[in-house]
Amino acid sequence: MSVLDVVFKKDIDAGVRTCRATKGAILLDVRLREEYNFSHIEGARCLPLEQLEKAPSAMPDKSRAIFVYCYKGSRSAKAAKILTKMGYERVTDIGGLKNYSGKLVKGK
């Protein structure tokens, strides 16, 4: 881990708290459906990075706050950029699930 990793590491715990405190916000898991089904943060929706073209039908309100996560943080960063380019106005990349200290929903 480099100094930059420590300085720029996203705090997924804080991101989840902010999401839950934001009226109408969406917590979006962009991992594969199989990964999501294995475990995910309670209340999260699954829309894999590879399927983000479906975002307008899954999330038609582009002004709604969206908090994006994956496992390590690289897919969530890509997804946040893609969603922003698609016109979503309030997208926040909260990083990787591997750093989450809260309880996960296991299995589905």
PDB file of N, CA and C in Angstrom:
ATOM      1  N   MET A   1       0.846  -1.174   0.000  1.00  0.00           N
ATOM      2  CA  MET A   1       0.000   0.000   0.000  1.00  0.00           C
ATOM      3  C   MET A   1       0.892   1.237   0.000  1.00  0.00           C
ATOM      4  N   SER A   2       0.589   2.168  -0.875  1.00  0.00           N
ATOM      5  CA  SER A   2       1.386   3.386  -0.951  1.00  0.00           C
ATOM      6  C   SER A   2       0.762   4.476  -0.080  1.00  0.00           C
ATOM      7  N   VAL A   3       1.502   5.554   0.079  1.00  0.00           N
ATOM      8  CA  VAL A   3       1.004   6.707   0.831  1.00  0.00           C
ATOM      9  C   VAL A   3      -0.262   7.245   0.161  1.00  0.00           C
ATOM     10  N   LEU A   4      -0.293   7.245  -1.164  1.00  0.00           N
ATOM     11  CA  LEU A   4      -1.473   7.742  -1.875  1.00  0.00           C
ATOM     12  C   LEU A   4      -2.703   6.895  -1.579  1.00  0.00           C
ATOM     13  N   ASP A   5      -2.532   5.575  -1.423  1.00  0.00           N
ATOM     14  CA  ASP A   5      -3.660   4.712  -1.083  1.00  0.00           C
ATOM     15  C   ASP A   5      -4.265   5.114   0.257  1.00  0.00           C
ATOM     16  N   VAL A   6      -3.426   5.450   1.200  1.00  0.00           N
ATOM     17  CA  VAL A   6      -3.901   5.849   2.529  1.00  0.00           C
ATOM     18  C   VAL A   6      -4.591   7.208   2.464  1.00  0.00           C
ATOM     19  N   VAL A   7      -3.990   8.146   1.753  1.00  0.00           N
ATOM     20  CA  VAL A   7      -4.524   9.506   1.659  1.00  0.00           C
ATOM     21  C   VAL A   7      -5.852   9.541   0.905  1.00  0.00           C
ATOM     22  N   PHE A   8      -5.951   8.791  -0.204  1.00  0.00           N
ATOM     23  CA  PHE A   8      -7.131   8.875  -1.064  1.00  0.00           C
ATOM     24  C   PHE A   8      -8.114   7.715  -0.891  1.00  0.00           C
ATOM     25  N   LYS A   9      -7.922   6.878   0.114  1.00  0.00           N
ATOM     26  CA  LYS A   9      -8.800   5.743   0.357  1.00  0.00           C
ATOM     27  C   LYS A   9     -10.206   6.249   0.691  1.00  0.00           C
ATOM     28  N   LYS A  10     -11.177   5.696   0.022  1.00  0.00           N
ATOM     29  CA  LYS A  10     -12.560   6.085   0.265  1.00  0.00           C
ATOM     30  C   LYS A  10     -13.059   5.385   1.523  1.00  0.00           C
ATOM     31  N   ASP A  11     -13.868   6.060   2.292  1.00  0.00           N
ATOM     32  CA  ASP A  11     -14.428   5.505   3.512  1.00  0.00           C
ATOM     33  C   ASP A  11     -15.833   5.000   3.207  1.00  0.00           C
ATOM     34  N   ILE A  12     -15.929   3.723   2.870  1.00  0.00           N
ATOM     35  CA  ILE A  12     -17.222   3.150   2.489  1.00  0.00           C
ATOM     36  C   ILE A  12     -18.222   3.202   3.647  1.00  0.00           C
ATOM     37  N   ASP A  13     -17.737   3.062   4.882  1.00  0.00           N
ATOM     38  CA  ASP A  13     -18.643   3.152   6.029  1.00  0.00           C
ATOM     39  C   ASP A  13     -19.323   4.517   6.083  1.00  0.00           C
ATOM     40  N   ALA A  14     -18.536   5.569   5.908  1.00  0.00           N
ATOM     41  CA  ALA A  14     -19.098   6.926   5.899  1.00  0.00           C
ATOM     42  C   ALA A  14     -20.024   7.106   4.701  1.00  0.00           C
ATOM     43  N   GLY A  15     -19.647   6.534   3.557  1.00  0.00           N
ATOM     44  CA  GLY A  15     -20.484   6.625   2.368  1.00  0.00           C
ATOM     45  C   GLY A  15     -21.838   5.973   2.556  1.00  0.00           C
ATOM     46  N   VAL A  16     -21.854   4.811   3.193  1.00  0.00           N
ATOM     47  CA  VAL A  16     -23.122   4.123   3.454  1.00  0.00           C
ATOM     48  C   VAL A  16     -23.970   4.938   4.429  1.00  0.00           C
ATOM     49  N   ARG A  17     -23.350   5.492   5.459  1.00  0.00           N
ATOM     50  CA  ARG A  17     -24.098   6.333   6.414  1.00  0.00           C
ATOM     51  C   ARG A  17     -24.705   7.539   5.701  1.00  0.00           C
ATOM     52  N   THR A  18     -23.915   8.179   4.846  1.00  0.00           N
ATOM     53  CA  THR A  18     -24.421   9.350   4.109  1.00  0.00           C
ATOM     54  C   THR A  18     -25.556   8.942   3.177  1.00  0.00           C
ATOM     55  N   CYS A  19     -25.393   7.811   2.507  1.00  0.00           N
ATOM     56  CA  CYS A  19     -26.448   7.316   1.620  1.00  0.00           C
ATOM     57  C   CYS A  19     -27.743   7.109   2.391  1.00  0.00           C
ATOM     58  N   ARG A  20     -27.641   6.456   3.521  1.00  0.00           N
ATOM     59  CA  ARG A  20     -28.844   6.167   4.323  1.00  0.00           C
ATOM     60  C   ARG A  20     -29.475   7.429   4.890  1.00  0.00           C
ATOM     61  N   ALA A  21     -28.685   8.477   5.060  1.00  0.00           N
ATOM     62  CA  ALA A  21     -29.205   9.741   5.581  1.00  0.00           C
ATOM     63  C   ALA A  21     -29.738  10.653   4.476  1.00  0.00           C
ATOM     64  N   THR A  22     -29.511  10.270   3.226  1.00  0.00           N
ATOM     65  CA  THR A  22     -29.940  11.082   2.082  1.00  0.00           C
ATOM     66  C   THR A  22     -31.276  10.560   1.570  1.00  0.00           C
ATOM     67  N   LYS A  23     -32.293  11.378   1.683  1.00  0.00           N
ATOM     68  CA  LYS A  23     -33.646  10.974   1.285  1.00  0.00           C
ATOM     69  C   LYS A  23     -33.673  10.519  -0.181  1.00  0.00           C
ATOM     70  N   GLY A  24     -34.189   9.318  -0.402  1.00  0.00           N
ATOM     71  CA  GLY A  24     -34.362   8.791  -1.751  1.00  0.00           C
ATOM     72  C   GLY A  24     -33.106   8.278  -2.428  1.00  0.00           C
ATOM     73  N   ALA A  25     -31.993   8.255  -1.715  1.00  0.00           N
ATOM     74  CA  ALA A  25     -30.727   7.836  -2.322  1.00  0.00           C
ATOM     75  C   ALA A  25     -30.737   6.354  -2.676  1.00  0.00           C
ATOM     76  N   ILE A  26     -29.933   6.017  -3.682  1.00  0.00           N
ATOM     77  CA  ILE A  26     -29.768   4.639  -4.127  1.00  0.00           C
ATOM     78  C   ILE A  26     -28.361   4.183  -3.761  1.00  0.00           C
ATOM     79  N   LEU A  27     -28.269   3.031  -3.130  1.00  0.00           N
ATOM     80  CA  LEU A  27     -26.989   2.387  -2.858  1.00  0.00           C
ATOM     81  C   LEU A  27     -26.818   1.342  -3.958  1.00  0.00           C
ATOM     82  N   LEU A  28     -25.819   1.531  -4.806  1.00  0.00           N
ATOM     83  CA  LEU A  28     -25.676   0.721  -6.014  1.00  0.00           C
ATOM     84  C   LEU A  28     -24.420  -0.135  -5.976  1.00  0.00           C
ATOM     85  N   ASP A  29     -24.602  -1.432  -6.045  1.00  0.00           N
ATOM     86  CA  ASP A  29     -23.524  -2.414  -6.095  1.00  0.00           C
ATOM     87  C   ASP A  29     -23.292  -2.741  -7.570  1.00  0.00           C
ATOM     88  N   VAL A  30     -22.084  -2.480  -8.079  1.00  0.00           N
ATOM     89  CA  VAL A  30     -21.809  -2.696  -9.504  1.00  0.00           C
ATOM     90  C   VAL A  30     -20.988  -3.960  -9.762  1.00  0.00           C
ATOM     91  N   ARG A  31     -20.961  -4.853  -8.775  1.00  0.00           N
ATOM     92  CA  ARG A  31     -20.284  -6.134  -8.970  1.00  0.00           C
ATOM     93  C   ARG A  31     -21.190  -7.073  -9.770  1.00  0.00           C
ATOM     94  N   LEU A  32     -20.651  -8.206 -10.152  1.00  0.00           N
ATOM     95  CA  LEU A  32     -21.440  -9.212 -10.857  1.00  0.00           C
ATOM     96  C   LEU A  32     -22.586  -9.697  -9.977  1.00  0.00           C
ATOM     97  N   ARG A  33     -23.661 -10.119 -10.581  1.00  0.00           N
ATOM     98  CA  ARG A  33     -24.835 -10.606  -9.850  1.00  0.00           C
ATOM     99  C   ARG A  33     -24.443 -11.738  -8.875  1.00  0.00           C
ATOM    100  N   GLU A  34     -23.550 -12.623  -9.306  1.00  0.00           N
ATOM    101  CA  GLU A  34     -23.115 -13.730  -8.455  1.00  0.00           C
ATOM    102  C   GLU A  34     -22.417 -13.214  -7.186  1.00  0.00           C
ATOM    103  N   GLU A  35     -21.595 -12.175  -7.348  1.00  0.00           N
ATOM    104  CA  GLU A  35     -20.910 -11.580  -6.195  1.00  0.00           C
ATOM    105  C   GLU A  35     -21.926 -10.932  -5.248  1.00  0.00           C
ATOM    106  N   TYR A  36     -22.856 -10.209  -5.827  1.00  0.00           N
ATOM    107  CA  TYR A  36     -23.917  -9.565  -5.053  1.00  0.00           C
ATOM    108  C   TYR A  36     -24.726 -10.614  -4.297  1.00  0.00           C
ATOM    109  N   ASN A  37     -25.097 -11.693  -4.974  1.00  0.00           N
ATOM    110  CA  ASN A  37     -25.891 -12.741  -4.338  1.00  0.00           C
ATOM    111  C   ASN A  37     -25.136 -13.410  -3.192  1.00  0.00           C
ATOM    112  N   PHE A  38     -23.810 -13.478  -3.290  1.00  0.00           N
ATOM    113  CA  PHE A  38     -23.004 -14.075  -2.225  1.00  0.00           C
ATOM    114  C   PHE A  38     -23.058 -13.213  -0.964  1.00  0.00           C
ATOM    115  N   SER A  39     -22.863 -11.902  -1.116  1.00  0.00           N
ATOM    116  CA  SER A  39     -22.977 -10.969   0.003  1.00  0.00           C
ATOM    117  C   SER A  39     -23.025  -9.544  -0.522  1.00  0.00           C
ATOM    118  N   HIS A  40     -23.782  -8.717   0.166  1.00  0.00           N
ATOM    119  CA  HIS A  40     -23.897  -7.304  -0.215  1.00  0.00           C
ATOM    120  C   HIS A  40     -24.359  -6.491   0.994  1.00  0.00           C
ATOM    121  N   ILE A  41     -24.296  -5.193   0.843  1.00  0.00           N
ATOM    122  CA  ILE A  41     -24.755  -4.295   1.901  1.00  0.00           C
ATOM    123  C   ILE A  41     -26.280  -4.252   1.855  1.00  0.00           C
ATOM    124  N   GLU A  42     -26.886  -4.346   3.019  1.00  0.00           N
ATOM    125  CA  GLU A  42     -28.342  -4.338   3.093  1.00  0.00           C
ATOM    126  C   GLU A  42     -28.921  -3.107   2.402  1.00  0.00           C
ATOM    127  N   GLY A  43     -29.916  -3.336   1.578  1.00  0.00           N
ATOM    128  CA  GLY A  43     -30.599  -2.256   0.880  1.00  0.00           C
ATOM    129  C   GLY A  43     -29.983  -1.876  -0.461  1.00  0.00           C
ATOM    130  N   ALA A  44     -28.853  -2.493  -0.802  1.00  0.00           N
ATOM    131  CA  ALA A  44     -28.194  -2.156  -2.074  1.00  0.00           C
ATOM    132  C   ALA A  44     -28.926  -2.794  -3.253  1.00  0.00           C
ATOM    133  N   ARG A  45     -28.892  -2.089  -4.357  1.00  0.00           N
ATOM    134  CA  ARG A  45     -29.385  -2.627  -5.627  1.00  0.00           C
ATOM    135  C   ARG A  45     -28.182  -3.129  -6.411  1.00  0.00           C
ATOM    136  N   CYS A  46     -28.395  -4.123  -7.237  1.00  0.00           N
ATOM    137  CA  CYS A  46     -27.313  -4.638  -8.074  1.00  0.00           C
ATOM    138  C   CYS A  46     -27.546  -4.243  -9.528  1.00  0.00           C
ATOM    139  N   LEU A  47     -26.556  -3.562 -10.098  1.00  0.00           N
ATOM    140  CA  LEU A  47     -26.523  -3.273 -11.526  1.00  0.00           C
ATOM    141  C   LEU A  47     -25.054  -3.374 -11.932  1.00  0.00           C
ATOM    142  N   PRO A  48     -24.648  -4.553 -12.424  1.00  0.00           N
ATOM    143  CA  PRO A  48     -23.233  -4.770 -12.747  1.00  0.00           C
ATOM    144  C   PRO A  48     -22.672  -3.727 -13.716  1.00  0.00           C
ATOM    145  N   LEU A  49     -21.413  -3.414 -13.532  1.00  0.00           N
ATOM    146  CA  LEU A  49     -20.718  -2.448 -14.380  1.00  0.00           C
ATOM    147  C   LEU A  49     -20.962  -2.743 -15.852  1.00  0.00           C
ATOM    148  N   GLU A  50     -20.921  -4.012 -16.219  1.00  0.00           N
ATOM    149  CA  GLU A  50     -21.086  -4.417 -17.615  1.00  0.00           C
ATOM    150  C   GLU A  50     -22.498  -4.181 -18.143  1.00  0.00           C
ATOM    151  N   GLN A  51     -23.433  -3.845 -17.261  1.00  0.00           N
ATOM    152  CA  GLN A  51     -24.822  -3.631 -17.666  1.00  0.00           C
ATOM    153  C   GLN A  51     -25.303  -2.205 -17.403  1.00  0.00           C
ATOM    154  N   LEU A  52     -24.380  -1.281 -17.216  1.00  0.00           N
ATOM    155  CA  LEU A  52     -24.788   0.091 -16.883  1.00  0.00           C
ATOM    156  C   LEU A  52     -25.609   0.769 -17.970  1.00  0.00           C
ATOM    157  N   GLU A  53     -25.590   0.229 -19.172  1.00  0.00           N
ATOM    158  CA  GLU A  53     -26.433   0.816 -20.219  1.00  0.00           C
ATOM    159  C   GLU A  53     -27.909   0.699 -19.850  1.00  0.00           C
ATOM    160  N   LYS A  54     -28.242  -0.177 -18.897  1.00  0.00           N
ATOM    161  CA  LYS A  54     -29.625  -0.343 -18.435  1.00  0.00           C
ATOM    162  C   LYS A  54     -30.002   0.668 -17.354  1.00  0.00           C
ATOM    163  N   ALA A  55     -29.052   1.495 -16.948  1.00  0.00           N
ATOM    164  CA  ALA A  55     -29.295   2.444 -15.854  1.00  0.00           C
ATOM    165  C   ALA A  55     -30.522   3.325 -16.082  1.00  0.00           C
ATOM    166  N   PRO A  56     -30.727   3.884 -17.284  1.00  0.00           N
ATOM    167  CA  PRO A  56     -31.896   4.761 -17.448  1.00  0.00           C
ATOM    168  C   PRO A  56     -33.236   4.079 -17.170  1.00  0.00           C
ATOM    169  N   SER A  57     -33.360   2.790 -17.463  1.00  0.00           N
ATOM    170  CA  SER A  57     -34.625   2.117 -17.159  1.00  0.00           C
ATOM    171  C   SER A  57     -34.681   1.689 -15.692  1.00  0.00           C
ATOM    172  N   ALA A  58     -33.531   1.369 -15.103  1.00  0.00           N
ATOM    173  CA  ALA A  58     -33.488   0.955 -13.699  1.00  0.00           C
ATOM    174  C   ALA A  58     -33.549   2.146 -12.748  1.00  0.00           C
ATOM    175  N   MET A  59     -33.003   3.282 -13.191  1.00  0.00           N
ATOM    176  CA  MET A  59     -32.938   4.486 -12.353  1.00  0.00           C
ATOM    177  C   MET A  59     -33.256   5.705 -13.230  1.00  0.00           C
ATOM    178  N   PRO A  60     -34.528   5.903 -13.548  1.00  0.00           N
ATOM    179  CA  PRO A  60     -34.882   6.968 -14.499  1.00  0.00           C
ATOM    180  C   PRO A  60     -34.659   8.391 -13.999  1.00  0.00           C
ATOM    181  N   ASP A  61     -34.695   8.612 -12.693  1.00  0.00           N
ATOM    182  CA  ASP A  61     -34.530   9.959 -12.144  1.00  0.00           C
ATOM    183  C   ASP A  61     -33.038  10.284 -12.026  1.00  0.00           C
ATOM    184  N   LYS A  62     -32.529  11.066 -12.963  1.00  0.00           N
ATOM    185  CA  LYS A  62     -31.101  11.372 -13.004  1.00  0.00           C
ATOM    186  C   LYS A  62     -30.669  12.405 -11.967  1.00  0.00           C
ATOM    187  N   SER A  63     -31.622  12.949 -11.212  1.00  0.00           N
ATOM    188  CA  SER A  63     -31.260  13.898 -10.158  1.00  0.00           C
ATOM    189  C   SER A  63     -31.172  13.212  -8.792  1.00  0.00           C
ATOM    190  N   ARG A  64     -31.533  11.964  -8.729  1.00  0.00           N
ATOM    191  CA  ARG A  64     -31.503  11.205  -7.472  1.00  0.00           C
ATOM    192  C   ARG A  64     -30.064  10.872  -7.084  1.00  0.00           C
ATOM    193  N   ALA A  65     -29.746  10.936  -5.803  1.00  0.00           N
ATOM    194  CA  ALA A  65     -28.394  10.625  -5.329  1.00  0.00           C
ATOM    195  C   ALA A  65     -28.120   9.129  -5.468  1.00  0.00           C
ATOM    196  N   ILE A  66     -26.937   8.813  -6.015  1.00  0.00           N
ATOM    197  CA  ILE A  66     -26.522   7.418  -6.188  1.00  0.00           C
ATOM    198  C   ILE A  66     -25.157   7.250  -5.543  1.00  0.00           C
ATOM    199  N   PHE A  67     -25.036   6.263  -4.665  1.00  0.00           N
ATOM    200  CA  PHE A  67     -23.785   5.938  -3.988  1.00  0.00           C
ATOM    201  C   PHE A  67     -23.338   4.576  -4.515  1.00  0.00           C
ATOM    202  N   VAL A  68     -22.193   4.540  -5.175  1.00  0.00           N
ATOM    203  CA  VAL A  68     -21.737   3.358  -5.902  1.00  0.00           C
ATOM    204  C   VAL A  68     -20.598   2.662  -5.163  1.00  0.00           C
ATOM    205  N   TYR A  69     -20.666   1.323  -5.097  1.00  0.00           N
ATOM    206  CA  TYR A  69     -19.564   0.548  -4.540  1.00  0.00           C
ATOM    207  C   TYR A  69     -19.352  -0.736  -5.332  1.00  0.00           C
ATOM    208  N   CYS A  70     -18.193  -1.352  -5.149  1.00  0.00           N
ATOM    209  CA  CYS A  70     -17.874  -2.650  -5.731  1.00  0.00           C
ATOM    210  C   CYS A  70     -17.113  -3.434  -4.670  1.00  0.00           C
ATOM    211  N   TYR A  71     -16.104  -4.217  -5.047  1.00  0.00           N
ATOM    212  CA  TYR A  71     -15.347  -4.949  -4.034  1.00  0.00           C
ATOM    213  C   TYR A  71     -14.094  -4.196  -3.603  1.00  0.00           C
ATOM    214  N   LYS A  72     -13.278  -3.776  -4.573  1.00  0.00           N
ATOM    215  CA  LYS A  72     -12.029  -3.082  -4.239  1.00  0.00           C
ATOM    216  C   LYS A  72     -12.103  -1.571  -4.454  1.00  0.00           C
ATOM    217  N   GLY A  73     -12.951  -1.136  -5.366  1.00  0.00           N
ATOM    218  CA  GLY A  73     -13.080   0.290  -5.641  1.00  0.00           C
ATOM    219  C   GLY A  73     -12.816   0.676  -7.085  1.00  0.00           C
ATOM    220  N   SER A  74     -12.240  -0.219  -7.875  1.00  0.00           N
ATOM    221  CA  SER A  74     -11.941   0.154  -9.263  1.00  0.00           C
ATOM    222  C   SER A  74     -13.197   0.154 -10.135  1.00  0.00           C
ATOM    223  N   ARG A  75     -14.064  -0.835  -9.985  1.00  0.00           N
ATOM    224  CA  ARG A  75     -15.297  -0.864 -10.784  1.00  0.00           C
ATOM    225  C   ARG A  75     -16.240   0.270 -10.375  1.00  0.00           C
ATOM    226  N   SER A  76     -16.271   0.584  -9.089  1.00  0.00           N
ATOM    227  CA  SER A  76     -17.149   1.680  -8.656  1.00  0.00           C
ATOM    228  C   SER A  76     -16.670   3.013  -9.215  1.00  0.00           C
ATOM    229  N   ALA A  77     -15.359   3.196  -9.309  1.00  0.00           N
ATOM    230  CA  ALA A  77     -14.815   4.432  -9.890  1.00  0.00           C
ATOM    231  C   ALA A  77     -15.203   4.535 -11.366  1.00  0.00           C
ATOM    232  N   LYS A  78     -15.080   3.426 -12.093  1.00  0.00           N
ATOM    233  CA  LYS A  78     -15.473   3.414 -13.514  1.00  0.00           C
ATOM    234  C   LYS A  78     -16.969   3.673 -13.649  1.00  0.00           C
ATOM    235  N   ALA A  79     -17.751   3.001 -12.824  1.00  0.00           N
ATOM    236  CA  ALA A  79     -19.207   3.157 -12.883  1.00  0.00           C
ATOM    237  C   ALA A  79     -19.630   4.592 -12.598  1.00  0.00           C
ATOM    238  N   ALA A  80     -19.008   5.222 -11.619  1.00  0.00           N
ATOM    239  CA  ALA A  80     -19.343   6.607 -11.286  1.00  0.00           C
ATOM    240  C   ALA A  80     -19.068   7.528 -12.475  1.00  0.00           C
ATOM    241  N   LYS A  81     -17.958   7.318 -13.153  1.00  0.00           N
ATOM    242  CA  LYS A  81     -17.636   8.130 -14.332  1.00  0.00           C
ATOM    243  C   LYS A  81     -18.651   7.898 -15.442  1.00  0.00           C
ATOM    244  N   ILE A  82     -19.001   6.636 -15.682  1.00  0.00           N
ATOM    245  CA  ILE A  82     -19.973   6.312 -16.732  1.00  0.00           C
ATOM    246  C   ILE A  82     -21.333   6.926 -16.417  1.00  0.00           C
ATOM    247  N   LEU A  83     -21.791   6.764 -15.182  1.00  0.00           N
ATOM    248  CA  LEU A  83     -23.094   7.318 -14.804  1.00  0.00           C
ATOM    249  C   LEU A  83     -23.119   8.837 -14.933  1.00  0.00           C
ATOM    250  N   THR A  84     -22.031   9.482 -14.563  1.00  0.00           N
ATOM    251  CA  THR A  84     -21.943  10.940 -14.698  1.00  0.00           C
ATOM    252  C   THR A  84     -22.017  11.333 -16.172  1.00  0.00           C
ATOM    253  N   LYS A  85     -21.312  10.610 -17.031  1.00  0.00           N
ATOM    254  CA  LYS A  85     -21.372  10.889 -18.472  1.00  0.00           C
ATOM    255  C   LYS A  85     -22.761  10.650 -19.041  1.00  0.00           C
ATOM    256  N   MET A  86     -23.506   9.734 -18.408  1.00  0.00           N
ATOM    257  CA  MET A  86     -24.876   9.447 -18.846  1.00  0.00           C
ATOM    258  C   MET A  86     -25.859  10.521 -18.386  1.00  0.00           C
ATOM    259  N   GLY A  87     -25.383  11.462 -17.583  1.00  0.00           N
ATOM    260  CA  GLY A  87     -26.240  12.562 -17.159  1.00  0.00           C
ATOM    261  C   GLY A  87     -26.736  12.488 -15.725  1.00  0.00           C
ATOM    262  N   TYR A  88     -26.299  11.486 -14.978  1.00  0.00           N
ATOM    263  CA  TYR A  88     -26.690  11.428 -13.564  1.00  0.00           C
ATOM    264  C   TYR A  88     -25.951  12.532 -12.818  1.00  0.00           C
ATOM    265  N   GLU A  89     -26.687  13.292 -12.039  1.00  0.00           N
ATOM    266  CA  GLU A  89     -26.169  14.526 -11.452  1.00  0.00           C
ATOM    267  C   GLU A  89     -25.511  14.364 -10.089  1.00  0.00           C
ATOM    268  N   ARG A  90     -25.880  13.327  -9.337  1.00  0.00           N
ATOM    269  CA  ARG A  90     -25.410  13.198  -7.948  1.00  0.00           C
ATOM    270  C   ARG A  90     -24.856  11.798  -7.700  1.00  0.00           C
ATOM    271  N   VAL A  91     -23.725  11.505  -8.302  1.00  0.00           N
ATOM    272  CA  VAL A  91     -23.100  10.189  -8.194  1.00  0.00           C
ATOM    273  C   VAL A  91     -21.885  10.287  -7.275  1.00  0.00           C
ATOM    274  N   THR A  92     -21.815   9.383  -6.302  1.00  0.00           N
ATOM    275  CA  THR A  92     -20.690   9.341  -5.377  1.00  0.00           C
ATOM    276  C   THR A  92     -20.104   7.932  -5.355  1.00  0.00           C
ATOM    277  N   ASP A  93     -18.818   7.835  -5.640  1.00  0.00           N
ATOM    278  CA  ASP A  93     -18.096   6.569  -5.539  1.00  0.00           C
ATOM    279  C   ASP A  93     -17.667   6.413  -4.087  1.00  0.00           C
ATOM    280  N   ILE A  94     -18.202   5.387  -3.405  1.00  0.00           N
ATOM    281  CA  ILE A  94     -17.855   5.201  -1.993  1.00  0.00           C
ATOM    282  C   ILE A  94     -16.825   4.089  -1.795  1.00  0.00           C
ATOM    283  N   GLY A  95     -16.335   3.502  -2.873  1.00  0.00           N
ATOM    284  CA  GLY A  95     -15.215   2.583  -2.764  1.00  0.00           C
ATOM    285  C   GLY A  95     -15.564   1.117  -2.728  1.00  0.00           C
ATOM    286  N   GLY A  96     -14.744   0.371  -1.974  1.00  0.00           N
ATOM    287  CA  GLY A  96     -14.807  -1.080  -2.012  1.00  0.00           C
ATOM    288  C   GLY A  96     -15.368  -1.743  -0.772  1.00  0.00           C
ATOM    289  N   LEU A  97     -16.168  -2.748  -1.013  1.00  0.00           N
ATOM    290  CA  LEU A  97     -16.799  -3.539   0.027  1.00  0.00           C
ATOM    291  C   LEU A  97     -15.776  -4.213   0.944  1.00  0.00           C
ATOM    292  N   LYS A  98     -14.592  -4.487   0.425  1.00  0.00           N
ATOM    293  CA  LYS A  98     -13.589  -5.173   1.253  1.00  0.00           C
ATOM    294  C   LYS A  98     -13.188  -4.335   2.473  1.00  0.00           C
ATOM    295  N   ASN A  99     -13.451  -3.035   2.442  1.00  0.00           N
ATOM    296  CA  ASN A  99     -13.131  -2.157   3.569  1.00  0.00           C
ATOM    297  C   ASN A  99     -14.344  -1.840   4.448  1.00  0.00           C
ATOM    298  N   TYR A 100     -15.485  -2.448   4.153  1.00  0.00           N
ATOM    299  CA  TYR A 100     -16.716  -2.170   4.887  1.00  0.00           C
ATOM    300  C   TYR A 100     -16.711  -2.915   6.210  1.00  0.00           C
ATOM    301  N   SER A 101     -17.026  -2.215   7.289  1.00  0.00           N
ATOM    302  CA  SER A 101     -17.025  -2.853   8.605  1.00  0.00           C
ATOM    303  C   SER A 101     -18.415  -3.210   9.098  1.00  0.00           C
ATOM    304  N   GLY A 102     -19.428  -2.840   8.322  1.00  0.00           N
ATOM    305  CA  GLY A 102     -20.801  -3.139   8.729  1.00  0.00           C
ATOM    306  C   GLY A 102     -21.204  -4.568   8.402  1.00  0.00           C
ATOM    307  N   LYS A 103     -22.413  -4.893   8.772  1.00  0.00           N
ATOM    308  CA  LYS A 103     -22.956  -6.230   8.542  1.00  0.00           C
ATOM    309  C   LYS A 103     -23.373  -6.377   7.075  1.00  0.00           C
ATOM    310  N   LEU A 104     -23.087  -7.545   6.504  1.00  0.00           N
ATOM    311  CA  LEU A 104     -23.471  -7.843   5.127  1.00  0.00           C
ATOM    312  C   LEU A 104     -24.632  -8.822   5.085  1.00  0.00           C
ATOM    313  N   VAL A 105     -25.426  -8.711   4.043  1.00  0.00           N
ATOM    314  CA  VAL A 105     -26.477  -9.682   3.779  1.00  0.00           C
ATOM    315  C   VAL A 105     -25.791 -10.837   3.059  1.00  0.00           C
ATOM    316  N   LYS A 106     -25.871 -12.030   3.600  1.00  0.00           N
ATOM    317  CA  LYS A 106     -25.218 -13.210   3.014  1.00  0.00           C
ATOM    318  C   LYS A 106     -26.229 -14.048   2.263  1.00  0.00           C
ATOM    319  N   GLY A 107     -25.822 -14.488   1.072  1.00  0.00           N
ATOM    320  CA  GLY A 107     -26.666 -15.381   0.284  1.00  0.00           C
ATOM    321  C   GLY A 107     -27.972 -14.754  -0.122  1.00  0.00           C
ATOM    322  N   LYS A 108     -28.591 -15.372  -1.089  1.00  0.00           N
ATOM    323  CA  LYS A 108     -29.884 -14.862  -1.529  1.00  0.00           C
ATOM    324  C   LYS A 108     -30.707 -15.974  -2.075  1.00  0.00           C
TER     325      LYS A 108
END
